[in-house]
């Protein structure tokens, strides 16, 4: 993906054909100097496009360091910003923020100070370290995004809880430190996806009683809410590619657990992001009715 990124500063003055192509519609400009083939860029997933924009901005930065969500994109860390626009986040070593006239479009400088050991080099650009990136996301973007990042560190990033807590212990005062402390309290290495982490953060915020990946007989649901509502965040994707025999075994297993008193609710990953209120209402109705149909006969998923 990165090998198609073109730095216009390295295109020779004699290469008029390439310079003309960069100025045309066949390339998309990602930074002041960097271009990417438009068809190839359009074929990328949205998060890959954001990763490329972060990389391009980082390559243009003489002293600034990629931070927050932008560093997370480059590091491969889970991040859950699905908004239409995501500015590239940068921190200057001085901690200062340049004026608007000196800030490129689509870039946001953060006022913060970095220690030398909080900066790493990746793909030829500087970005904040894994732990510093996680702390920044929690402090600036809230508990849910912070828990997603911290869960990734513990489950996929090769970071231990002791390392997280040790780093937190030596940090000074900063805005959002309470949120980071809460993230560290609830972070786990058991999460299998960013959506599980996001939904768990939501349940923590709500104060609903739940267990995460509990063992119920031979079954391990993603969540068990109020002791009997088994929530799976997979939608129909769980059953894709299953043979008829596998589907039959799955049905028998679910029937057995239903007879044990469990009620099932399955949601596609994006449902918990795009349709949070309906998801919570569905679960609440199952809790209130213990899975029984409503008087109207309408399913809570309707």
C-alpha atoms as a PDB file:
ATOM      1  CA  UNK A   1       0.000   0.000   0.000  1.00  0.00           C
ATOM      2  CA  UNK A   2       2.729   2.491   0.961  1.00  0.00           C
ATOM      3  CA  UNK A   3       4.877   1.745  -2.074  1.00  0.00           C
ATOM      4  CA  UNK A   4       2.564   3.714  -4.387  1.00  0.00           C
ATOM      5  CA  UNK A   5       2.953   6.926  -2.388  1.00  0.00           C
ATOM      6  CA  UNK A   6       4.817   9.480  -4.511  1.00  0.00           C
ATOM      7  CA  UNK A   7       6.845  12.341  -3.074  1.00  0.00           C
ATOM      8  CA  UNK A   8       6.721  15.200  -5.583  1.00  0.00           C
ATOM      9  CA  UNK A   9       9.998  16.546  -4.206  1.00  0.00           C
ATOM     10  CA  UNK A  10      11.721  13.512  -5.672  1.00  0.00           C
ATOM     11  CA  UNK A  11      10.243  13.915  -9.132  1.00  0.00           C
ATOM     12  CA  UNK A  12      12.912  15.447 -11.307  1.00  0.00           C
ATOM     13  CA  UNK A  13      12.314  18.740 -13.083  1.00  0.00           C
ATOM     14  CA  UNK A  14      12.912  16.961 -16.383  1.00  0.00           C
ATOM     15  CA  UNK A  15      10.101  14.487 -15.757  1.00  0.00           C
ATOM     16  CA  UNK A  16       7.397  16.720 -17.196  1.00  0.00           C
ATOM     17  CA  UNK A  17       5.075  13.793 -17.890  1.00  0.00           C
ATOM     18  CA  UNK A  18       4.969  12.710 -14.249  1.00  0.00           C
ATOM     19  CA  UNK A  19       4.550  16.286 -13.026  1.00  0.00           C
ATOM     20  CA  UNK A  20       1.632  16.748 -15.402  1.00  0.00           C
ATOM     21  CA  UNK A  21       0.081  13.484 -14.177  1.00  0.00           C
ATOM     22  CA  UNK A  22       0.368  14.560 -10.528  1.00  0.00           C
ATOM     23  CA  UNK A  23      -1.450  17.782 -11.350  1.00  0.00           C
ATOM     24  CA  UNK A  24      -4.251  15.902 -13.075  1.00  0.00           C
ATOM     25  CA  UNK A  25      -7.190  13.835 -11.849  1.00  0.00           C
ATOM     26  CA  UNK A  26      -5.379  10.497 -11.965  1.00  0.00           C
ATOM     27  CA  UNK A  27      -3.668  11.237  -8.618  1.00  0.00           C
ATOM     28  CA  UNK A  28      -5.033  12.393  -5.276  1.00  0.00           C
ATOM     29  CA  UNK A  29      -2.986  14.803  -3.188  1.00  0.00           C
ATOM     30  CA  UNK A  30      -2.578  13.620   0.425  1.00  0.00           C
ATOM     31  CA  UNK A  31      -0.207  16.307   1.694  1.00  0.00           C
ATOM     32  CA  UNK A  32       1.728  19.289   0.438  1.00  0.00           C
ATOM     33  CA  UNK A  33       4.134  16.966  -1.373  1.00  0.00           C
ATOM     34  CA  UNK A  34       2.600  13.504  -1.476  1.00  0.00           C
ATOM     35  CA  UNK A  35       0.314  11.965  -4.097  1.00  0.00           C
ATOM     36  CA  UNK A  36      -1.352   8.611  -4.580  1.00  0.00           C
ATOM     37  CA  UNK A  37      -2.973   7.019  -7.649  1.00  0.00           C
ATOM     38  CA  UNK A  38      -6.659   7.937  -7.432  1.00  0.00           C
ATOM     39  CA  UNK A  39      -8.092   4.543  -8.501  1.00  0.00           C
ATOM     40  CA  UNK A  40      -5.846   2.692  -6.026  1.00  0.00           C
ATOM     41  CA  UNK A  41      -6.785   5.109  -3.240  1.00  0.00           C
ATOM     42  CA  UNK A  42     -10.500   4.680  -3.947  1.00  0.00           C
ATOM     43  CA  UNK A  43     -10.086   0.898  -3.717  1.00  0.00           C
ATOM     44  CA  UNK A  44      -8.630   1.098  -0.202  1.00  0.00           C
ATOM     45  CA  UNK A  45     -10.746   0.635   2.904  1.00  0.00           C
ATOM     46  CA  UNK A  46     -11.615   3.868   4.701  1.00  0.00           C
ATOM     47  CA  UNK A  47      -9.228   3.184   7.575  1.00  0.00           C
ATOM     48  CA  UNK A  48      -6.417   2.432   5.127  1.00  0.00           C
ATOM     49  CA  UNK A  49      -7.058   5.802   3.493  1.00  0.00           C
ATOM     50  CA  UNK A  50      -6.734   7.502   6.895  1.00  0.00           C
ATOM     51  CA  UNK A  51      -3.547   5.588   7.559  1.00  0.00           C
ATOM     52  CA  UNK A  52      -2.093   6.863   4.283  1.00  0.00           C
ATOM     53  CA  UNK A  53      -3.089  10.458   5.061  1.00  0.00           C
ATOM     54  CA  UNK A  54      -1.401  10.190   8.453  1.00  0.00           C
ATOM     55  CA  UNK A  55       1.747   8.767   6.863  1.00  0.00           C
ATOM     56  CA  UNK A  56       1.853  11.517   4.224  1.00  0.00           C
ATOM     57  CA  UNK A  57       1.453  14.243   6.858  1.00  0.00           C
ATOM     58  CA  UNK A  58       4.151  12.640   8.972  1.00  0.00           C
ATOM     59  CA  UNK A  59       6.560  12.598   6.048  1.00  0.00           C
ATOM     60  CA  UNK A  60       5.980  16.338   5.572  1.00  0.00           C
ATOM     61  CA  UNK A  61       6.584  17.158   9.236  1.00  0.00           C
ATOM     62  CA  UNK A  62      10.134  18.351   9.877  1.00  0.00           C
ATOM     63  CA  UNK A  63       9.918  18.168  13.664  1.00  0.00           C
ATOM     64  CA  UNK A  64       6.341  17.273  14.538  1.00  0.00           C
ATOM     65  CA  UNK A  65       5.303  13.808  15.725  1.00  0.00           C
ATOM     66  CA  UNK A  66       2.139  11.933  14.760  1.00  0.00           C
ATOM     67  CA  UNK A  67      -0.055  11.465  17.832  1.00  0.00           C
ATOM     68  CA  UNK A  68      -3.461  10.253  19.000  1.00  0.00           C
ATOM     69  CA  UNK A  69      -5.651   8.598  16.401  1.00  0.00           C
ATOM     70  CA  UNK A  70      -3.121   9.333  13.648  1.00  0.00           C
ATOM     71  CA  UNK A  71      -0.360   7.501  15.511  1.00  0.00           C
ATOM     72  CA  UNK A  72      -2.801   4.669  16.201  1.00  0.00           C
ATOM     73  CA  UNK A  73      -3.522   4.343  12.467  1.00  0.00           C
ATOM     74  CA  UNK A  74       0.175   4.001  11.722  1.00  0.00           C
ATOM     75  CA  UNK A  75       0.801   1.609  14.625  1.00  0.00           C
ATOM     76  CA  UNK A  76      -2.108  -0.633  13.620  1.00  0.00           C
ATOM     77  CA  UNK A  77      -3.856   0.023  16.940  1.00  0.00           C
ATOM     78  CA  UNK A  78      -7.622  -0.330  17.216  1.00  0.00           C
ATOM     79  CA  UNK A  79      -9.368   3.016  16.979  1.00  0.00           C
ATOM     80  CA  UNK A  80     -13.093   3.632  16.675  1.00  0.00           C
ATOM     81  CA  UNK A  81     -13.574   7.003  15.024  1.00  0.00           C
ATOM     82  CA  UNK A  82     -16.106   6.507  12.217  1.00  0.00           C
ATOM     83  CA  UNK A  83     -16.743  10.190  11.526  1.00  0.00           C
ATOM     84  CA  UNK A  84     -16.586  11.570   8.021  1.00  0.00           C
ATOM     85  CA  UNK A  85     -13.487  13.604   8.839  1.00  0.00           C
ATOM     86  CA  UNK A  86     -10.458  12.750  10.943  1.00  0.00           C
ATOM     87  CA  UNK A  87      -7.772  15.440  11.216  1.00  0.00           C
ATOM     88  CA  UNK A  88      -4.171  14.350  11.369  1.00  0.00           C
ATOM     89  CA  UNK A  89      -2.953  14.893  14.941  1.00  0.00           C
ATOM     90  CA  UNK A  90       0.567  16.247  15.451  1.00  0.00           C
ATOM     91  CA  UNK A  91       2.648  17.293  18.465  1.00  0.00           C
ATOM     92  CA  UNK A  92       5.687  19.566  18.255  1.00  0.00           C
ATOM     93  CA  UNK A  93       8.619  18.651  20.527  1.00  0.00           C
ATOM     94  CA  UNK A  94       8.439  22.159  22.022  1.00  0.00           C
ATOM     95  CA  UNK A  95       4.835  21.606  23.040  1.00  0.00           C
ATOM     96  CA  UNK A  96       3.790  24.757  21.192  1.00  0.00           C
ATOM     97  CA  UNK A  97       1.011  25.048  18.627  1.00  0.00           C
ATOM     98  CA  UNK A  98       1.671  26.986  15.402  1.00  0.00           C
ATOM     99  CA  UNK A  99      -0.750  29.607  14.156  1.00  0.00           C
ATOM    100  CA  UNK A 100      -3.542  28.745  11.763  1.00  0.00           C
ATOM    101  CA  UNK A 101      -1.724  30.228   8.804  1.00  0.00           C
ATOM    102  CA  UNK A 102       1.107  27.743   9.364  1.00  0.00           C
ATOM    103  CA  UNK A 103      -1.168  24.745   9.898  1.00  0.00           C
ATOM    104  CA  UNK A 104      -1.918  22.665   6.771  1.00  0.00           C
ATOM    105  CA  UNK A 105      -5.520  21.851   5.942  1.00  0.00           C
ATOM    106  CA  UNK A 106      -6.681  18.689   7.670  1.00  0.00           C
ATOM    107  CA  UNK A 107      -4.011  18.889  10.387  1.00  0.00           C
ATOM    108  CA  UNK A 108      -4.488  19.641  14.077  1.00  0.00           C
ATOM    109  CA  UNK A 109      -1.582  20.348  16.415  1.00  0.00           C
ATOM    110  CA  UNK A 110      -1.919  19.261  20.035  1.00  0.00           C
ATOM    111  CA  UNK A 111      -0.393  21.240  22.878  1.00  0.00           C
ATOM    112  CA  UNK A 112       1.655  18.659  24.726  1.00  0.00           C
ATOM    113  CA  UNK A 113       5.224  17.760  25.663  1.00  0.00           C
ATOM    114  CA  UNK A 114       6.848  14.455  24.733  1.00  0.00           C
ATOM    115  CA  UNK A 115       9.753  12.682  26.392  1.00  0.00           C
ATOM    116  CA  UNK A 116      12.351  11.256  23.981  1.00  0.00           C
ATOM    117  CA  UNK A 117      11.349   7.701  24.916  1.00  0.00           C
ATOM    118  CA  UNK A 118       7.727   8.458  23.974  1.00  0.00           C
ATOM    119  CA  UNK A 119       8.655   8.872  20.302  1.00  0.00           C
ATOM    120  CA  UNK A 120       9.287   5.985  17.896  1.00  0.00           C
ATOM    121  CA  UNK A 121      10.103   5.882  14.199  1.00  0.00           C
ATOM    122  CA  UNK A 122       7.908   3.844  11.876  1.00  0.00           C
ATOM    123  CA  UNK A 123       7.756   3.778   8.064  1.00  0.00           C
ATOM    124  CA  UNK A 124      10.160   6.695   8.006  1.00  0.00           C
ATOM    125  CA  UNK A 125       8.084   9.020  10.202  1.00  0.00           C
ATOM    126  CA  UNK A 126       7.972   9.869  13.899  1.00  0.00           C
ATOM    127  CA  UNK A 127       4.957   8.912  15.991  1.00  0.00           C
ATOM    128  CA  UNK A 128       4.162   8.529  19.649  1.00  0.00           C
ATOM    129  CA  UNK A 129       4.901   5.206  21.329  1.00  0.00           C
ATOM    130  CA  UNK A 130       2.242   2.552  21.868  1.00  0.00           C
ATOM    131  CA  UNK A 131       1.518   3.452  25.479  1.00  0.00           C
ATOM    132  CA  UNK A 132       1.687   7.223  24.969  1.00  0.00           C
ATOM    133  CA  UNK A 133      -0.693   6.875  22.006  1.00  0.00           C
ATOM    134  CA  UNK A 134      -3.161   4.925  24.131  1.00  0.00           C
ATOM    135  CA  UNK A 135      -2.996   7.501  26.940  1.00  0.00           C
ATOM    136  CA  UNK A 136      -3.498  10.386  24.494  1.00  0.00           C
ATOM    137  CA  UNK A 137      -6.532   8.749  22.888  1.00  0.00           C
ATOM    138  CA  UNK A 138      -8.153   8.135  26.277  1.00  0.00           C
ATOM    139  CA  UNK A 139      -7.382  11.647  27.533  1.00  0.00           C
ATOM    140  CA  UNK A 140      -8.506  13.447  24.367  1.00  0.00           C
ATOM    141  CA  UNK A 141     -11.223  11.199  22.949  1.00  0.00           C
ATOM    142  CA  UNK A 142     -12.834   9.625  25.984  1.00  0.00           C
ATOM    143  CA  UNK A 143     -13.230   6.395  27.906  1.00  0.00           C
ATOM    144  CA  UNK A 144     -14.675   4.251  25.123  1.00  0.00           C
ATOM    145  CA  UNK A 145     -11.938   4.955  22.577  1.00  0.00           C
ATOM    146  CA  UNK A 146      -9.344   4.728  25.325  1.00  0.00           C
ATOM    147  CA  UNK A 147     -10.532   1.290  26.424  1.00  0.00           C
ATOM    148  CA  UNK A 148     -10.490   0.083  22.821  1.00  0.00           C
ATOM    149  CA  UNK A 149      -6.853   1.214  22.496  1.00  0.00           C
ATOM    150  CA  UNK A 150      -5.804  -0.259  25.851  1.00  0.00           C
ATOM    151  CA  UNK A 151      -7.471  -3.605  25.106  1.00  0.00           C
ATOM    152  CA  UNK A 152      -5.539  -3.759  21.828  1.00  0.00           C
ATOM    153  CA  UNK A 153      -2.278  -3.114  23.668  1.00  0.00           C
ATOM    154  CA  UNK A 154      -2.921  -6.001  26.045  1.00  0.00           C
ATOM    155  CA  UNK A 155      -4.340  -8.440  23.479  1.00  0.00           C
ATOM    156  CA  UNK A 156      -2.376  -7.641  20.314  1.00  0.00           C
ATOM    157  CA  UNK A 157       0.227  -4.963  21.039  1.00  0.00           C
ATOM    158  CA  UNK A 158       2.601  -7.001  23.183  1.00  0.00           C
ATOM    159  CA  UNK A 159       2.243  -4.620  26.136  1.00  0.00           C
ATOM    160  CA  UNK A 160       1.709  -5.964  29.658  1.00  0.00           C
ATOM    161  CA  UNK A 161      -0.533  -4.527  32.342  1.00  0.00           C
ATOM    162  CA  UNK A 162       2.546  -3.941  34.492  1.00  0.00           C
ATOM    163  CA  UNK A 163       4.077  -1.836  31.716  1.00  0.00           C
ATOM    164  CA  UNK A 164       0.886   0.189  31.335  1.00  0.00           C
ATOM    165  CA  UNK A 165       0.567   0.815  35.064  1.00  0.00           C
ATOM    166  CA  UNK A 166       4.286   1.539  35.409  1.00  0.00           C
ATOM    167  CA  UNK A 167       4.166   4.158  32.674  1.00  0.00           C
ATOM    168  CA  UNK A 168       1.058   5.715  34.181  1.00  0.00           C
ATOM    169  CA  UNK A 169       2.782   5.945  37.569  1.00  0.00           C
ATOM    170  CA  UNK A 170       5.579   8.139  36.199  1.00  0.00           C
ATOM    171  CA  UNK A 171       3.375  10.515  34.227  1.00  0.00           C
ATOM    172  CA  UNK A 172       2.800  13.964  35.601  1.00  0.00           C
ATOM    173  CA  UNK A 173      -0.457  15.847  35.771  1.00  0.00           C
ATOM    174  CA  UNK A 174      -2.365  16.243  32.534  1.00  0.00           C
ATOM    175  CA  UNK A 175      -5.911  16.896  31.410  1.00  0.00           C
ATOM    176  CA  UNK A 176      -7.832  13.656  31.129  1.00  0.00           C
ATOM    177  CA  UNK A 177      -5.638  11.673  33.530  1.00  0.00           C
ATOM    178  CA  UNK A 178      -8.735  10.486  35.408  1.00  0.00           C
ATOM    179  CA  UNK A 179     -10.090   8.961  32.204  1.00  0.00           C
ATOM    180  CA  UNK A 180      -6.792   7.167  31.601  1.00  0.00           C
ATOM    181  CA  UNK A 181      -6.904   5.811  35.164  1.00  0.00           C
ATOM    182  CA  UNK A 182     -10.403   4.446  34.539  1.00  0.00           C
ATOM    183  CA  UNK A 183      -9.280   2.864  31.264  1.00  0.00           C
ATOM    184  CA  UNK A 184      -6.433   1.049  33.013  1.00  0.00           C
ATOM    185  CA  UNK A 185      -8.830  -0.224  35.664  1.00  0.00           C
ATOM    186  CA  UNK A 186     -11.030  -1.976  33.107  1.00  0.00           C
ATOM    187  CA  UNK A 187      -8.578  -2.877  30.313  1.00  0.00           C
ATOM    188  CA  UNK A 188      -8.280  -6.575  29.468  1.00  0.00           C
ATOM    189  CA  UNK A 189      -6.317  -8.797  27.147  1.00  0.00           C
ATOM    190  CA  UNK A 190      -9.357 -10.991  26.429  1.00  0.00           C
ATOM    191  CA  UNK A 191     -10.993  -8.737  23.857  1.00  0.00           C
ATOM    192  CA  UNK A 192     -11.113 -10.198  20.360  1.00  0.00           C
ATOM    193  CA  UNK A 193     -12.265  -7.078  18.531  1.00  0.00           C
ATOM    194  CA  UNK A 194     -12.533  -3.334  18.879  1.00  0.00           C
ATOM    195  CA  UNK A 195     -16.328  -3.684  18.838  1.00  0.00           C
ATOM    196  CA  UNK A 196     -16.281  -5.944  21.887  1.00  0.00           C
ATOM    197  CA  UNK A 197     -14.157  -3.385  23.712  1.00  0.00           C
ATOM    198  CA  UNK A 198     -16.426  -0.510  22.669  1.00  0.00           C
ATOM    199  CA  UNK A 199     -19.569  -2.338  23.781  1.00  0.00           C
ATOM    200  CA  UNK A 200     -17.960  -3.319  27.085  1.00  0.00           C
ATOM    201  CA  UNK A 201     -17.063   0.341  27.690  1.00  0.00           C
ATOM    202  CA  UNK A 202     -20.694   1.257  26.998  1.00  0.00           C
ATOM    203  CA  UNK A 203     -21.965  -1.298  29.531  1.00  0.00           C
ATOM    204  CA  UNK A 204     -19.476  -0.015  32.116  1.00  0.00           C
ATOM    205  CA  UNK A 205     -20.703   3.548  31.564  1.00  0.00           C
ATOM    206  CA  UNK A 206     -24.300   2.411  31.965  1.00  0.00           C
ATOM    207  CA  UNK A 207     -23.526   0.445  35.112  1.00  0.00           C
ATOM    208  CA  UNK A 208     -25.318  -2.653  33.816  1.00  0.00           C
ATOM    209  CA  UNK A 209     -24.315  -5.925  35.518  1.00  0.00           C
ATOM    210  CA  UNK A 210     -22.518  -8.116  32.986  1.00  0.00           C
ATOM    211  CA  UNK A 211     -19.818 -10.734  32.529  1.00  0.00           C
ATOM    212  CA  UNK A 212     -17.366 -10.621  29.643  1.00  0.00           C
ATOM    213  CA  UNK A 213     -16.724 -13.938  27.857  1.00  0.00           C
ATOM    214  CA  UNK A 214     -18.019 -16.085  30.740  1.00  0.00           C
ATOM    215  CA  UNK A 215     -18.131 -19.889  30.560  1.00  0.00           C
ATOM    216  CA  UNK A 216     -21.700 -21.183  30.490  1.00  0.00           C
ATOM    217  CA  UNK A 217     -21.534 -24.981  30.252  1.00  0.00           C
ATOM    218  CA  UNK A 218     -19.508 -25.470  27.053  1.00  0.00           C
ATOM    219  CA  UNK A 219     -20.507 -22.102  25.619  1.00  0.00           C
ATOM    220  CA  UNK A 220     -18.705 -18.766  25.892  1.00  0.00           C
ATOM    221  CA  UNK A 221     -20.858 -15.805  24.836  1.00  0.00           C
ATOM    222  CA  UNK A 222     -19.256 -12.412  24.290  1.00  0.00           C
ATOM    223  CA  UNK A 223     -21.373 -10.930  27.084  1.00  0.00           C
ATOM    224  CA  UNK A 224     -23.802 -12.226  29.680  1.00  0.00           C
ATOM    225  CA  UNK A 225     -26.016  -9.389  30.917  1.00  0.00           C
ATOM    226  CA  UNK A 226     -28.069  -9.728  34.114  1.00  0.00           C
ATOM    227  CA  UNK A 227     -26.989 -13.350  34.230  1.00  0.00           C
ATOM    228  CA  UNK A 228     -29.213 -14.616  31.419  1.00  0.00           C
ATOM    229  CA  UNK A 229     -29.080 -12.378  28.302  1.00  0.00           C
ATOM    230  CA  UNK A 230     -26.273 -13.735  26.108  1.00  0.00           C
ATOM    231  CA  UNK A 231     -25.099 -11.039  23.681  1.00  0.00           C
ATOM    232  CA  UNK A 232     -22.990 -11.884  20.638  1.00  0.00           C
ATOM    233  CA  UNK A 233     -21.467  -9.145  18.492  1.00  0.00           C
ATOM    234  CA  UNK A 234     -21.226 -10.893  15.155  1.00  0.00           C
ATOM    235  CA  UNK A 235     -24.574 -10.562  13.394  1.00  0.00           C
ATOM    236  CA  UNK A 236     -24.957 -13.173  10.665  1.00  0.00           C
ATOM    237  CA  UNK A 237     -21.210 -13.329   9.959  1.00  0.00           C
ATOM    238  CA  UNK A 238     -20.835 -16.118  12.545  1.00  0.00           C
ATOM    239  CA  UNK A 239     -22.690 -18.498  10.258  1.00  0.00           C
ATOM    240  CA  UNK A 240     -21.045 -17.641   6.947  1.00  0.00           C
ATOM    241  CA  UNK A 241     -19.240 -20.628   5.507  1.00  0.00           C
ATOM    242  CA  UNK A 242     -20.780 -23.132   7.948  1.00  0.00           C
ATOM    243  CA  UNK A 243     -21.906 -26.491   6.605  1.00  0.00           C
ATOM    244  CA  UNK A 244     -25.441 -27.743   7.194  1.00  0.00           C
ATOM    245  CA  UNK A 245     -24.127 -30.131   9.851  1.00  0.00           C
ATOM    246  CA  UNK A 246     -22.286 -27.314  11.659  1.00  0.00           C
ATOM    247  CA  UNK A 247     -25.397 -25.138  11.574  1.00  0.00           C
ATOM    248  CA  UNK A 248     -27.444 -27.985  13.029  1.00  0.00           C
ATOM    249  CA  UNK A 249     -24.940 -28.453  15.864  1.00  0.00           C
ATOM    250  CA  UNK A 250     -25.026 -24.714  16.554  1.00  0.00           C
ATOM    251  CA  UNK A 251     -28.827 -24.777  16.692  1.00  0.00           C
ATOM    252  CA  UNK A 252     -28.844 -27.736  19.072  1.00  0.00           C
ATOM    253  CA  UNK A 253     -26.331 -26.022  21.305  1.00  0.00           C
ATOM    254  CA  UNK A 254     -28.347 -22.813  21.396  1.00  0.00           C
ATOM    255  CA  UNK A 255     -31.565 -24.767  22.044  1.00  0.00           C
ATOM    256  CA  UNK A 256     -29.913 -26.512  24.986  1.00  0.00           C
ATOM    257  CA  UNK A 257     -28.719 -23.226  26.465  1.00  0.00           C
ATOM    258  CA  UNK A 258     -32.132 -21.655  25.880  1.00  0.00           C
ATOM    259  CA  UNK A 259     -33.632 -24.483  27.901  1.00  0.00           C
ATOM    260  CA  UNK A 260     -31.134 -23.586  30.645  1.00  0.00           C
ATOM    261  CA  UNK A 261     -32.667 -20.111  30.782  1.00  0.00           C
ATOM    262  CA  UNK A 262     -30.402 -18.077  28.501  1.00  0.00           C
ATOM    263  CA  UNK A 263     -31.865 -15.548  26.085  1.00  0.00           C
ATOM    264  CA  UNK A 264     -29.857 -14.702  22.969  1.00  0.00           C
ATOM    265  CA  UNK A 265     -29.305 -11.376  21.214  1.00  0.00           C
ATOM    266  CA  UNK A 266     -26.997 -11.042  18.219  1.00  0.00           C
ATOM    267  CA  UNK A 267     -25.838  -7.781  16.712  1.00  0.00           C
ATOM    268  CA  UNK A 268     -23.657  -6.906  13.742  1.00  0.00           C
ATOM    269  CA  UNK A 269     -20.560  -4.948  14.791  1.00  0.00           C
ATOM    270  CA  UNK A 270     -21.661  -1.675  13.212  1.00  0.00           C
ATOM    271  CA  UNK A 271     -25.091  -1.911  14.854  1.00  0.00           C
ATOM    272  CA  UNK A 272     -23.602  -1.110  18.250  1.00  0.00           C
ATOM    273  CA  UNK A 273     -22.044   2.029  16.747  1.00  0.00           C
ATOM    274  CA  UNK A 274     -24.715   3.288  14.349  1.00  0.00           C
ATOM    275  CA  UNK A 275     -27.812   2.130  16.223  1.00  0.00           C
ATOM    276  CA  UNK A 276     -26.781   2.167  19.871  1.00  0.00           C
ATOM    277  CA  UNK A 277     -30.165   3.196  21.268  1.00  0.00           C
ATOM    278  CA  UNK A 278     -32.011   0.381  19.500  1.00  0.00           C
ATOM    279  CA  UNK A 279     -29.446  -2.186  20.616  1.00  0.00           C
ATOM    280  CA  UNK A 280     -29.755  -1.100  24.247  1.00  0.00           C
ATOM    281  CA  UNK A 281     -33.534  -0.987  24.011  1.00  0.00           C
ATOM    282  CA  UNK A 282     -33.574  -4.529  22.620  1.00  0.00           C
ATOM    283  CA  UNK A 283     -31.456  -5.818  25.497  1.00  0.00           C
ATOM    284  CA  UNK A 284     -33.493  -3.888  28.061  1.00  0.00           C
ATOM    285  CA  UNK A 285     -36.726  -5.407  26.751  1.00  0.00           C
ATOM    286  CA  UNK A 286     -35.231  -8.895  26.948  1.00  0.00           C
ATOM    287  CA  UNK A 287     -34.216  -8.207  30.531  1.00  0.00           C
ATOM    288  CA  UNK A 288     -37.628  -6.852  31.493  1.00  0.00           C
ATOM    289  CA  UNK A 289     -39.511  -9.684  29.796  1.00  0.00           C
ATOM    290  CA  UNK A 290     -36.917 -12.427  30.375  1.00  0.00           C
ATOM    291  CA  UNK A 291     -37.125 -13.165  26.681  1.00  0.00           C
ATOM    292  CA  UNK A 292     -40.931 -13.498  26.544  1.00  0.00           C
ATOM    293  CA  UNK A 293     -42.697 -11.837  23.584  1.00  0.00           C
ATOM    294  CA  UNK A 294     -44.187  -8.437  24.250  1.00  0.00           C
ATOM    295  CA  UNK A 295     -47.964  -8.112  24.628  1.00  0.00           C
ATOM    296  CA  UNK A 296     -48.177  -6.600  21.174  1.00  0.00           C
ATOM    297  CA  UNK A 297     -46.485  -9.643  19.730  1.00  0.00           C
ATOM    298  CA  UNK A 298     -43.759  -7.438  18.324  1.00  0.00           C
ATOM    299  CA  UNK A 299     -40.196  -8.686  18.577  1.00  0.00           C
ATOM    300  CA  UNK A 300     -37.851  -6.369  20.499  1.00  0.00           C
ATOM    301  CA  UNK A 301     -35.616  -6.424  17.423  1.00  0.00           C
ATOM    302  CA  UNK A 302     -38.378  -4.953  15.262  1.00  0.00           C
END
